[in-house]
Amino acid sequence: GIRHQVQDEPDPEWLLRPDVLRGLAAV
C-alpha cells in the first residue's frame, strides 16, 4: 500500500483534489 500524511495537510479536502484523485486511481 501507499500512505501520505494527510493529517498534516491544511486543506481538509486535500484528498479530493483532482491531482490527488488521479494519484489514488494509479494506486
mmCIF file of all heavy atoms, coordinates in Angstrom:
data_MODEL
# 
_entry.id   MODEL 
# 
loop_
_atom_site.group_PDB 
_atom_site.id 
_atom_site.type_symbol 
_atom_site.label_atom_id 
_atom_site.label_alt_id 
_atom_site.label_comp_id 
_atom_site.label_asym_id 
_atom_site.label_entity_id 
_atom_site.label_seq_id 
_atom_site.pdbx_PDB_ins_code 
_atom_site.Cartn_x 
_atom_site.Cartn_y 
_atom_site.Cartn_z 
_atom_site.occupancy 
_atom_site.B_iso_or_equiv 
_atom_site.pdbx_formal_charge 
_atom_site.auth_seq_id 
_atom_site.auth_comp_id 
_atom_site.auth_asym_id 
_atom_site.auth_atom_id 
_atom_site.pdbx_PDB_model_num 
ATOM 1   N N   . GLY A 1 1  ? 0.814   -1.201 0.000   1.00 0.00 ? 1  GLY A N   1 
ATOM 2   C CA  . GLY A 1 1  ? 0.000   0.000  0.000   1.00 0.00 ? 1  GLY A CA  1 
ATOM 3   C C   . GLY A 1 1  ? 0.850   1.254  0.000   1.00 0.00 ? 1  GLY A C   1 
ATOM 4   O O   . GLY A 1 1  ? 2.078   1.216  0.091   1.00 0.00 ? 1  GLY A O   1 
ATOM 5   N N   . ILE A 1 2  ? 0.142   2.384  -0.109  1.00 0.00 ? 2  ILE A N   1 
ATOM 6   C CA  . ILE A 1 2  ? 0.760   3.710  -0.110  1.00 0.00 ? 2  ILE A CA  1 
ATOM 7   C C   . ILE A 1 2  ? 0.061   4.555  0.946   1.00 0.00 ? 2  ILE A C   1 
ATOM 8   O O   . ILE A 1 2  ? -1.143  4.388  1.199   1.00 0.00 ? 2  ILE A O   1 
ATOM 9   C CB  . ILE A 1 2  ? 0.633   4.373  -1.501  1.00 0.00 ? 2  ILE A CB  1 
ATOM 10  C CG1 . ILE A 1 2  ? 1.414   3.569  -2.550  1.00 0.00 ? 2  ILE A CG1 1 
ATOM 11  C CG2 . ILE A 1 2  ? 1.100   5.830  -1.475  1.00 0.00 ? 2  ILE A CG2 1 
ATOM 12  C CD1 . ILE A 1 2  ? 2.921   3.524  -2.330  1.00 0.00 ? 2  ILE A CD1 1 
ATOM 13  N N   . ARG A 1 3  ? 0.810   5.476  1.559   1.00 0.00 ? 3  ARG A N   1 
ATOM 14  C CA  . ARG A 1 3  ? 0.239   6.375  2.555   1.00 0.00 ? 3  ARG A CA  1 
ATOM 15  C C   . ARG A 1 3  ? 0.875   7.747  2.431   1.00 0.00 ? 3  ARG A C   1 
ATOM 16  O O   . ARG A 1 3  ? 2.040   7.879  2.040   1.00 0.00 ? 3  ARG A O   1 
ATOM 17  C CB  . ARG A 1 3  ? 0.458   5.825  3.970   1.00 0.00 ? 3  ARG A CB  1 
ATOM 18  C CG  . ARG A 1 3  ? -0.251  6.629  5.055   1.00 0.00 ? 3  ARG A CG  1 
ATOM 19  C CD  . ARG A 1 3  ? -0.083  6.003  6.428   1.00 0.00 ? 3  ARG A CD  1 
ATOM 20  N NE  . ARG A 1 3  ? 1.124   6.448  7.095   1.00 0.00 ? 3  ARG A NE  1 
ATOM 21  C CZ  . ARG A 1 3  ? 1.253   6.581  8.422   1.00 0.00 ? 3  ARG A CZ  1 
ATOM 22  N NH1 . ARG A 1 3  ? 0.227   6.296  9.215   1.00 0.00 ? 3  ARG A NH1 1 
ATOM 23  N NH2 . ARG A 1 3  ? 2.378   6.966  8.961   1.00 0.00 ? 3  ARG A NH2 1 
ATOM 24  N N   . HIS A 1 4  ? 0.108   8.764  2.759   1.00 0.00 ? 4  HIS A N   1 
ATOM 25  C CA  . HIS A 1 4  ? 0.591   10.139 2.824   1.00 0.00 ? 4  HIS A CA  1 
ATOM 26  C C   . HIS A 1 4  ? 0.082   10.746 4.122   1.00 0.00 ? 4  HIS A C   1 
ATOM 27  O O   . HIS A 1 4  ? -1.027  10.430 4.571   1.00 0.00 ? 4  HIS A O   1 
ATOM 28  C CB  . HIS A 1 4  ? 0.077   10.942 1.614   1.00 0.00 ? 4  HIS A CB  1 
ATOM 29  C CG  . HIS A 1 4  ? 0.442   12.399 1.673   1.00 0.00 ? 4  HIS A CG  1 
ATOM 30  N ND1 . HIS A 1 4  ? 1.720   12.852 1.420   1.00 0.00 ? 4  HIS A ND1 1 
ATOM 31  C CD2 . HIS A 1 4  ? -0.304  13.501 1.949   1.00 0.00 ? 4  HIS A CD2 1 
ATOM 32  C CE1 . HIS A 1 4  ? 1.748   14.167 1.537   1.00 0.00 ? 4  HIS A CE1 1 
ATOM 33  N NE2 . HIS A 1 4  ? 0.536   14.585 1.865   1.00 0.00 ? 4  HIS A NE2 1 
ATOM 34  N N   . GLN A 1 5  ? 0.867   11.647 4.708   1.00 0.00 ? 5  GLN A N   1 
ATOM 35  C CA  . GLN A 1 5  ? 0.467   12.290 5.960   1.00 0.00 ? 5  GLN A CA  1 
ATOM 36  C C   . GLN A 1 5  ? -0.620  13.331 5.711   1.00 0.00 ? 5  GLN A C   1 
ATOM 37  O O   . GLN A 1 5  ? -0.430  14.537 5.875   1.00 0.00 ? 5  GLN A O   1 
ATOM 38  C CB  . GLN A 1 5  ? 1.688   12.919 6.645   1.00 0.00 ? 5  GLN A CB  1 
ATOM 39  C CG  . GLN A 1 5  ? 2.352   12.036 7.658   1.00 0.00 ? 5  GLN A CG  1 
ATOM 40  C CD  . GLN A 1 5  ? 3.150   10.906 7.012   1.00 0.00 ? 5  GLN A CD  1 
ATOM 41  O OE1 . GLN A 1 5  ? 3.223   10.780 5.810   1.00 0.00 ? 5  GLN A OE1 1 
ATOM 42  N NE2 . GLN A 1 5  ? 3.755   10.068 7.833   1.00 0.00 ? 5  GLN A NE2 1 
ATOM 43  N N   . VAL A 1 6  ? -1.797  12.857 5.339   1.00 0.00 ? 6  VAL A N   1 
ATOM 44  C CA  . VAL A 1 6  ? -2.926  13.747 5.084   1.00 0.00 ? 6  VAL A CA  1 
ATOM 45  C C   . VAL A 1 6  ? -3.267  14.547 6.337   1.00 0.00 ? 6  VAL A C   1 
ATOM 46  O O   . VAL A 1 6  ? -3.719  15.694 6.259   1.00 0.00 ? 6  VAL A O   1 
ATOM 47  C CB  . VAL A 1 6  ? -4.153  12.937 4.601   1.00 0.00 ? 6  VAL A CB  1 
ATOM 48  C CG1 . VAL A 1 6  ? -5.353  13.850 4.363   1.00 0.00 ? 6  VAL A CG1 1 
ATOM 49  C CG2 . VAL A 1 6  ? -3.815  12.169 3.329   1.00 0.00 ? 6  VAL A CG2 1 
ATOM 50  N N   . GLN A 1 7  ? -3.022  13.984 7.497   1.00 0.00 ? 7  GLN A N   1 
ATOM 51  C CA  . GLN A 1 7  ? -3.330  14.680 8.759   1.00 0.00 ? 7  GLN A CA  1 
ATOM 52  C C   . GLN A 1 7  ? -2.619  16.026 8.877   1.00 0.00 ? 7  GLN A C   1 
ATOM 53  O O   . GLN A 1 7  ? -3.072  16.907 9.614   1.00 0.00 ? 7  GLN A O   1 
ATOM 54  C CB  . GLN A 1 7  ? -2.935  13.802 9.940   1.00 0.00 ? 7  GLN A CB  1 
ATOM 55  C CG  . GLN A 1 7  ? -1.444  13.511 10.024  1.00 0.00 ? 7  GLN A CG  1 
ATOM 56  C CD  . GLN A 1 7  ? -1.093  12.647 11.217  1.00 0.00 ? 7  GLN A CD  1 
ATOM 57  O OE1 . GLN A 1 7  ? -1.938  12.279 12.004  1.00 0.00 ? 7  GLN A OE1 1 
ATOM 58  N NE2 . GLN A 1 7  ? 0.190   12.300 11.337  1.00 0.00 ? 7  GLN A NE2 1 
ATOM 59  N N   . ASP A 1 8  ? -1.509  16.185 8.150   1.00 0.00 ? 8  ASP A N   1 
ATOM 60  C CA  . ASP A 1 8  ? -0.746  17.429 8.220   1.00 0.00 ? 8  ASP A CA  1 
ATOM 61  C C   . ASP A 1 8  ? -1.107  18.416 7.117   1.00 0.00 ? 8  ASP A C   1 
ATOM 62  O O   . ASP A 1 8  ? -0.561  19.526 7.086   1.00 0.00 ? 8  ASP A O   1 
ATOM 63  C CB  . ASP A 1 8  ? 0.759   17.124 8.147   1.00 0.00 ? 8  ASP A CB  1 
ATOM 64  C CG  . ASP A 1 8  ? 1.241   16.308 9.342   1.00 0.00 ? 8  ASP A CG  1 
ATOM 65  O OD1 . ASP A 1 8  ? 0.651   16.464 10.431  1.00 0.00 ? 8  ASP A OD1 1 
ATOM 66  O OD2 . ASP A 1 8  ? 2.202   15.527 9.186   1.00 0.00 ? 8  ASP A OD2 1 
ATOM 67  N N   . GLU A 1 9  ? -1.985  18.022 6.207   1.00 0.00 ? 9  GLU A N   1 
ATOM 68  C CA  . GLU A 1 9  ? -2.381  18.916 5.122   1.00 0.00 ? 9  GLU A CA  1 
ATOM 69  C C   . GLU A 1 9  ? -3.378  19.961 5.656   1.00 0.00 ? 9  GLU A C   1 
ATOM 70  O O   . GLU A 1 9  ? -4.380  19.600 6.270   1.00 0.00 ? 9  GLU A O   1 
ATOM 71  C CB  . GLU A 1 9  ? -3.021  18.128 3.982   1.00 0.00 ? 9  GLU A CB  1 
ATOM 72  C CG  . GLU A 1 9  ? -2.070  17.191 3.259   1.00 0.00 ? 9  GLU A CG  1 
ATOM 73  C CD  . GLU A 1 9  ? -1.034  17.943 2.438   1.00 0.00 ? 9  GLU A CD  1 
ATOM 74  O OE1 . GLU A 1 9  ? -1.229  19.157 2.177   1.00 0.00 ? 9  GLU A OE1 1 
ATOM 75  O OE2 . GLU A 1 9  ? -0.018  17.311 2.062   1.00 0.00 ? 9  GLU A OE2 1 
ATOM 76  N N   . PRO A 1 10 ? -3.135  21.253 5.408   1.00 0.00 ? 10 PRO A N   1 
ATOM 77  C CA  . PRO A 1 10 ? -4.047  22.286 5.912   1.00 0.00 ? 10 PRO A CA  1 
ATOM 78  C C   . PRO A 1 10 ? -5.412  22.268 5.239   1.00 0.00 ? 10 PRO A C   1 
ATOM 79  O O   . PRO A 1 10 ? -6.397  22.716 5.840   1.00 0.00 ? 10 PRO A O   1 
ATOM 80  C CB  . PRO A 1 10 ? -3.299  23.592 5.631   1.00 0.00 ? 10 PRO A CB  1 
ATOM 81  C CG  . PRO A 1 10 ? -2.310  23.263 4.555   1.00 0.00 ? 10 PRO A CG  1 
ATOM 82  C CD  . PRO A 1 10 ? -1.932  21.834 4.770   1.00 0.00 ? 10 PRO A CD  1 
ATOM 83  N N   . ASP A 1 11 ? -5.477  21.764 4.020   1.00 0.00 ? 11 ASP A N   1 
ATOM 84  C CA  . ASP A 1 11 ? -6.748  21.700 3.299   1.00 0.00 ? 11 ASP A CA  1 
ATOM 85  C C   . ASP A 1 11 ? -7.521  20.462 3.749   1.00 0.00 ? 11 ASP A C   1 
ATOM 86  O O   . ASP A 1 11 ? -7.087  19.338 3.495   1.00 0.00 ? 11 ASP A O   1 
ATOM 87  C CB  . ASP A 1 11 ? -6.482  21.635 1.789   1.00 0.00 ? 11 ASP A CB  1 
ATOM 88  C CG  . ASP A 1 11 ? -7.770  21.561 0.967   1.00 0.00 ? 11 ASP A CG  1 
ATOM 89  O OD1 . ASP A 1 11 ? -8.865  21.612 1.562   1.00 0.00 ? 11 ASP A OD1 1 
ATOM 90  O OD2 . ASP A 1 11 ? -7.653  21.459 -0.274  1.00 0.00 ? 11 ASP A OD2 1 
ATOM 91  N N   . PRO A 1 12 ? -8.675  20.606 4.412   1.00 0.00 ? 12 PRO A N   1 
ATOM 92  C CA  . PRO A 1 12 ? -9.409  19.434 4.891   1.00 0.00 ? 12 PRO A CA  1 
ATOM 93  C C   . PRO A 1 12 ? -9.929  18.556 3.754   1.00 0.00 ? 12 PRO A C   1 
ATOM 94  O O   . PRO A 1 12 ? -10.299 17.409 3.991   1.00 0.00 ? 12 PRO A O   1 
ATOM 95  C CB  . PRO A 1 12 ? -10.559 20.032 5.704   1.00 0.00 ? 12 PRO A CB  1 
ATOM 96  C CG  . PRO A 1 12 ? -10.735 21.413 5.166   1.00 0.00 ? 12 PRO A CG  1 
ATOM 97  C CD  . PRO A 1 12 ? -9.360  21.869 4.765   1.00 0.00 ? 12 PRO A CD  1 
ATOM 98  N N   . GLU A 1 13 ? -9.952  19.103 2.528   1.00 0.00 ? 13 GLU A N   1 
ATOM 99  C CA  . GLU A 1 13 ? -10.411 18.327 1.375   1.00 0.00 ? 13 GLU A CA  1 
ATOM 100 C C   . GLU A 1 13 ? -9.264  18.002 0.423   1.00 0.00 ? 13 GLU A C   1 
ATOM 101 O O   . GLU A 1 13 ? -9.456  17.824 -0.779  1.00 0.00 ? 13 GLU A O   1 
ATOM 102 C CB  . GLU A 1 13 ? -11.519 19.089 0.650   1.00 0.00 ? 13 GLU A CB  1 
ATOM 103 C CG  . GLU A 1 13 ? -12.769 19.256 1.511   1.00 0.00 ? 13 GLU A CG  1 
ATOM 104 C CD  . GLU A 1 13 ? -13.965 19.736 0.719   1.00 0.00 ? 13 GLU A CD  1 
ATOM 105 O OE1 . GLU A 1 13 ? -13.772 20.348 -0.351  1.00 0.00 ? 13 GLU A OE1 1 
ATOM 106 O OE2 . GLU A 1 13 ? -15.096 19.479 1.167   1.00 0.00 ? 13 GLU A OE2 1 
ATOM 107 N N   . TRP A 1 14 ? -8.069  17.882 0.967   1.00 0.00 ? 14 TRP A N   1 
ATOM 108 C CA  . TRP A 1 14 ? -6.886  17.566 0.146   1.00 0.00 ? 14 TRP A CA  1 
ATOM 109 C C   . TRP A 1 14 ? -7.099  16.294 -0.660  1.00 0.00 ? 14 TRP A C   1 
ATOM 110 O O   . TRP A 1 14 ? -6.689  16.211 -1.822  1.00 0.00 ? 14 TRP A O   1 
ATOM 111 C CB  . TRP A 1 14 ? -5.665  17.412 1.064   1.00 0.00 ? 14 TRP A CB  1 
ATOM 112 C CG  . TRP A 1 14 ? -4.375  17.168 0.343   1.00 0.00 ? 14 TRP A CG  1 
ATOM 113 C CD1 . TRP A 1 14 ? -3.531  18.110 -0.177  1.00 0.00 ? 14 TRP A CD1 1 
ATOM 114 C CD2 . TRP A 1 14 ? -3.777  15.893 0.056   1.00 0.00 ? 14 TRP A CD2 1 
ATOM 115 N NE1 . TRP A 1 14 ? -2.452  17.499 -0.762  1.00 0.00 ? 14 TRP A NE1 1 
ATOM 116 C CE2 . TRP A 1 14 ? -2.573  16.148 -0.631  1.00 0.00 ? 14 TRP A CE2 1 
ATOM 117 C CE3 . TRP A 1 14 ? -4.134  14.579 0.321   1.00 0.00 ? 14 TRP A CE3 1 
ATOM 118 C CZ2 . TRP A 1 14 ? -1.728  15.121 -1.062  1.00 0.00 ? 14 TRP A CZ2 1 
ATOM 119 C CZ3 . TRP A 1 14 ? -3.307  13.551 -0.110  1.00 0.00 ? 14 TRP A CZ3 1 
ATOM 120 C CH2 . TRP A 1 14 ? -2.117  13.819 -0.791  1.00 0.00 ? 14 TRP A CH2 1 
ATOM 121 N N   . LEU A 1 15 ? -7.738  15.297 -0.072  1.00 0.00 ? 15 LEU A N   1 
ATOM 122 C CA  . LEU A 1 15 ? -7.946  14.024 -0.759  1.00 0.00 ? 15 LEU A CA  1 
ATOM 123 C C   . LEU A 1 15 ? -8.830  14.167 -1.997  1.00 0.00 ? 15 LEU A C   1 
ATOM 124 O O   . LEU A 1 15 ? -8.834  13.271 -2.857  1.00 0.00 ? 15 LEU A O   1 
ATOM 125 C CB  . LEU A 1 15 ? -8.578  13.007 0.196   1.00 0.00 ? 15 LEU A CB  1 
ATOM 126 C CG  . LEU A 1 15 ? -7.639  12.400 1.242   1.00 0.00 ? 15 LEU A CG  1 
ATOM 127 C CD1 . LEU A 1 15 ? -8.443  11.769 2.369   1.00 0.00 ? 15 LEU A CD1 1 
ATOM 128 C CD2 . LEU A 1 15 ? -6.722  11.369 0.595   1.00 0.00 ? 15 LEU A CD2 1 
ATOM 129 N N   . LEU A 1 16 ? -9.566  15.252 -2.102  1.00 0.00 ? 16 LEU A N   1 
ATOM 130 C CA  . LEU A 1 16 ? -10.493 15.440 -3.213  1.00 0.00 ? 16 LEU A CA  1 
ATOM 131 C C   . LEU A 1 16 ? -9.918  16.312 -4.323  1.00 0.00 ? 16 LEU A C   1 
ATOM 132 O O   . LEU A 1 16 ? -10.601 16.569 -5.320  1.00 0.00 ? 16 LEU A O   1 
ATOM 133 C CB  . LEU A 1 16 ? -11.806 16.047 -2.705  1.00 0.00 ? 16 LEU A CB  1 
ATOM 134 C CG  . LEU A 1 16 ? -12.541 15.192 -1.669  1.00 0.00 ? 16 LEU A CG  1 
ATOM 135 C CD1 . LEU A 1 16 ? -13.799 15.905 -1.193  1.00 0.00 ? 16 LEU A CD1 1 
ATOM 136 C CD2 . LEU A 1 16 ? -12.880 13.821 -2.249  1.00 0.00 ? 16 LEU A CD2 1 
ATOM 137 N N   . ARG A 1 17 ? -8.688  16.747 -4.187  1.00 0.00 ? 17 ARG A N   1 
ATOM 138 C CA  . ARG A 1 17 ? -8.048  17.494 -5.268  1.00 0.00 ? 17 ARG A CA  1 
ATOM 139 C C   . ARG A 1 17 ? -7.943  16.609 -6.507  1.00 0.00 ? 17 ARG A C   1 
ATOM 140 O O   . ARG A 1 17 ? -7.651  15.409 -6.399  1.00 0.00 ? 17 ARG A O   1 
ATOM 141 C CB  . ARG A 1 17 ? -6.662  17.958 -4.832  1.00 0.00 ? 17 ARG A CB  1 
ATOM 142 C CG  . ARG A 1 17 ? -6.658  19.116 -3.870  1.00 0.00 ? 17 ARG A CG  1 
ATOM 143 C CD  . ARG A 1 17 ? -5.283  19.438 -3.334  1.00 0.00 ? 17 ARG A CD  1 
ATOM 144 N NE  . ARG A 1 17 ? -4.195  19.229 -4.290  1.00 0.00 ? 17 ARG A NE  1 
ATOM 145 C CZ  . ARG A 1 17 ? -2.927  19.553 -4.047  1.00 0.00 ? 17 ARG A CZ  1 
ATOM 146 N NH1 . ARG A 1 17 ? -2.590  20.083 -2.872  1.00 0.00 ? 17 ARG A NH1 1 
ATOM 147 N NH2 . ARG A 1 17 ? -1.995  19.336 -4.946  1.00 0.00 ? 17 ARG A NH2 1 
ATOM 148 N N   . PRO A 1 18 ? -8.153  17.149 -7.690  1.00 0.00 ? 18 PRO A N   1 
ATOM 149 C CA  . PRO A 1 18 ? -8.088  16.327 -8.907  1.00 0.00 ? 18 PRO A CA  1 
ATOM 150 C C   . PRO A 1 18 ? -6.767  15.593 -9.079  1.00 0.00 ? 18 PRO A C   1 
ATOM 151 O O   . PRO A 1 18 ? -6.752  14.421 -9.495  1.00 0.00 ? 18 PRO A O   1 
ATOM 152 C CB  . PRO A 1 18 ? -8.310  17.347 -10.028 1.00 0.00 ? 18 PRO A CB  1 
ATOM 153 C CG  . PRO A 1 18 ? -9.137  18.423 -9.392  1.00 0.00 ? 18 PRO A CG  1 
ATOM 154 C CD  . PRO A 1 18 ? -8.626  18.519 -7.986  1.00 0.00 ? 18 PRO A CD  1 
ATOM 155 N N   . ASP A 1 19 ? -5.640  16.270 -8.756  1.00 0.00 ? 19 ASP A N   1 
ATOM 156 C CA  . ASP A 1 19 ? -4.358  15.588 -8.923  1.00 0.00 ? 19 ASP A CA  1 
ATOM 157 C C   . ASP A 1 19 ? -4.186  14.460 -7.913  1.00 0.00 ? 19 ASP A C   1 
ATOM 158 O O   . ASP A 1 19 ? -3.582  13.418 -8.217  1.00 0.00 ? 19 ASP A O   1 
ATOM 159 C CB  . ASP A 1 19 ? -3.192  16.568 -8.847  1.00 0.00 ? 19 ASP A CB  1 
ATOM 160 C CG  . ASP A 1 19 ? -3.188  17.420 -7.581  1.00 0.00 ? 19 ASP A CG  1 
ATOM 161 O OD1 . ASP A 1 19 ? -4.189  17.399 -6.828  1.00 0.00 ? 19 ASP A OD1 1 
ATOM 162 O OD2 . ASP A 1 19 ? -2.182  18.128 -7.340  1.00 0.00 ? 19 ASP A OD2 1 
ATOM 163 N N   . VAL A 1 20 ? -4.736  14.624 -6.715  1.00 0.00 ? 20 VAL A N   1 
ATOM 164 C CA  . VAL A 1 20 ? -4.660  13.566 -5.708  1.00 0.00 ? 20 VAL A CA  1 
ATOM 165 C C   . VAL A 1 20 ? -5.550  12.386 -6.104  1.00 0.00 ? 20 VAL A C   1 
ATOM 166 O O   . VAL A 1 20 ? -5.135  11.225 -6.000  1.00 0.00 ? 20 VAL A O   1 
ATOM 167 C CB  . VAL A 1 20 ? -5.055  14.104 -4.317  1.00 0.00 ? 20 VAL A CB  1 
ATOM 168 C CG1 . VAL A 1 20 ? -5.120  12.974 -3.293  1.00 0.00 ? 20 VAL A CG1 1 
ATOM 169 C CG2 . VAL A 1 20 ? -4.068  15.172 -3.861  1.00 0.00 ? 20 VAL A CG2 1 
ATOM 170 N N   . LEU A 1 21 ? -6.746  12.671 -6.572  1.00 0.00 ? 21 LEU A N   1 
ATOM 171 C CA  . LEU A 1 21 ? -7.630  11.588 -7.013  1.00 0.00 ? 21 LEU A CA  1 
ATOM 172 C C   . LEU A 1 21 ? -7.014  10.815 -8.175  1.00 0.00 ? 21 LEU A C   1 
ATOM 173 O O   . LEU A 1 21 ? -7.160  9.584  -8.254  1.00 0.00 ? 21 LEU A O   1 
ATOM 174 C CB  . LEU A 1 21 ? -8.992  12.162 -7.418  1.00 0.00 ? 21 LEU A CB  1 
ATOM 175 C CG  . LEU A 1 21 ? -9.874  12.663 -6.270  1.00 0.00 ? 21 LEU A CG  1 
ATOM 176 C CD1 . LEU A 1 21 ? -11.092 13.393 -6.814  1.00 0.00 ? 21 LEU A CD1 1 
ATOM 177 C CD2 . LEU A 1 21 ? -10.311 11.502 -5.374  1.00 0.00 ? 21 LEU A CD2 1 
ATOM 178 N N   . ARG A 1 22 ? -6.322  11.521 -9.060  1.00 0.00 ? 22 ARG A N   1 
ATOM 179 C CA  . ARG A 1 22 ? -5.635  10.826 -10.159 1.00 0.00 ? 22 ARG A CA  1 
ATOM 180 C C   . ARG A 1 22 ? -4.551  9.907  -9.603  1.00 0.00 ? 22 ARG A C   1 
ATOM 181 O O   . ARG A 1 22 ? -4.385  8.769  -10.060 1.00 0.00 ? 22 ARG A O   1 
ATOM 182 C CB  . ARG A 1 22 ? -5.028  11.855 -11.121 1.00 0.00 ? 22 ARG A CB  1 
ATOM 183 C CG  . ARG A 1 22 ? -4.306  11.231 -12.314 1.00 0.00 ? 22 ARG A CG  1 
ATOM 184 C CD  . ARG A 1 22 ? -3.646  12.317 -13.161 1.00 0.00 ? 22 ARG A CD  1 
ATOM 185 N NE  . ARG A 1 22 ? -2.737  13.137 -12.372 1.00 0.00 ? 22 ARG A NE  1 
ATOM 186 C CZ  . ARG A 1 22 ? -1.499  12.771 -12.061 1.00 0.00 ? 22 ARG A CZ  1 
ATOM 187 N NH1 . ARG A 1 22 ? -1.026  11.591 -12.441 1.00 0.00 ? 22 ARG A NH1 1 
ATOM 188 N NH2 . ARG A 1 22 ? -0.737  13.569 -11.338 1.00 0.00 ? 22 ARG A NH2 1 
ATOM 189 N N   . GLY A 1 23 ? -3.823  10.380 -8.601  1.00 0.00 ? 23 GLY A N   1 
ATOM 190 C CA  . GLY A 1 23 ? -2.802  9.548  -7.985  1.00 0.00 ? 23 GLY A CA  1 
ATOM 191 C C   . GLY A 1 23 ? -3.390  8.356  -7.264  1.00 0.00 ? 23 GLY A C   1 
ATOM 192 O O   . GLY A 1 23 ? -2.855  7.247  -7.322  1.00 0.00 ? 23 GLY A O   1 
ATOM 193 N N   . LEU A 1 24 ? -4.503  8.566  -6.583  1.00 0.00 ? 24 LEU A N   1 
ATOM 194 C CA  . LEU A 1 24 ? -5.167  7.458  -5.896  1.00 0.00 ? 24 LEU A CA  1 
ATOM 195 C C   . LEU A 1 24 ? -5.653  6.416  -6.893  1.00 0.00 ? 24 LEU A C   1 
ATOM 196 O O   . LEU A 1 24 ? -5.586  5.205  -6.625  1.00 0.00 ? 24 LEU A O   1 
ATOM 197 C CB  . LEU A 1 24 ? -6.343  7.982  -5.072  1.00 0.00 ? 24 LEU A CB  1 
ATOM 198 C CG  . LEU A 1 24 ? -5.988  8.802  -3.824  1.00 0.00 ? 24 LEU A CG  1 
ATOM 199 C CD1 . LEU A 1 24 ? -7.232  9.437  -3.228  1.00 0.00 ? 24 LEU A CD1 1 
ATOM 200 C CD2 . LEU A 1 24 ? -5.286  7.931  -2.782  1.00 0.00 ? 24 LEU A CD2 1 
ATOM 201 N N   . ALA A 1 25 ? -6.128  6.855  -8.055  1.00 0.00 ? 25 ALA A N   1 
ATOM 202 C CA  . ALA A 1 25 ? -6.543  5.911  -9.093  1.00 0.00 ? 25 ALA A CA  1 
ATOM 203 C C   . ALA A 1 25 ? -5.354  5.082  -9.569  1.00 0.00 ? 25 ALA A C   1 
ATOM 204 O O   . ALA A 1 25 ? -5.494  3.878  -9.853  1.00 0.00 ? 25 ALA A O   1 
ATOM 205 C CB  . ALA A 1 25 ? -7.168  6.661  -10.268 1.00 0.00 ? 25 ALA A CB  1 
ATOM 206 N N   . ALA A 1 26 ? -4.168  5.695  -9.617  1.00 0.00 ? 26 ALA A N   1 
ATOM 207 C CA  . ALA A 1 26 ? -2.971  4.953  -10.001 1.00 0.00 ? 26 ALA A CA  1 
ATOM 208 C C   . ALA A 1 26 ? -2.612  3.914  -8.951  1.00 0.00 ? 26 ALA A C   1 
ATOM 209 O O   . ALA A 1 26 ? -2.124  2.824  -9.283  1.00 0.00 ? 26 ALA A O   1 
ATOM 210 C CB  . ALA A 1 26 ? -1.805  5.922  -10.213 1.00 0.00 ? 26 ALA A CB  1 
ATOM 211 N N   . VAL A 1 27 ? -2.838  4.240  -7.682  1.00 0.00 ? 27 VAL A N   1 
ATOM 212 C CA  . VAL A 1 27 ? -2.597  3.265  -6.608  1.00 0.00 ? 27 VAL A CA  1 
ATOM 213 C C   . VAL A 1 27 ? -3.503  2.051  -6.807  1.00 0.00 ? 27 VAL A C   1 
ATOM 214 O O   . VAL A 1 27 ? -3.069  0.898  -6.696  1.00 0.00 ? 27 VAL A O   1 
ATOM 215 C CB  . VAL A 1 27 ? -2.834  3.913  -5.230  1.00 0.00 ? 27 VAL A CB  1 
ATOM 216 C CG1 . VAL A 1 27 ? -2.775  2.873  -4.118  1.00 0.00 ? 27 VAL A CG1 1 
ATOM 217 C CG2 . VAL A 1 27 ? -1.809  5.017  -4.973  1.00 0.00 ? 27 VAL A CG2 1 
# 
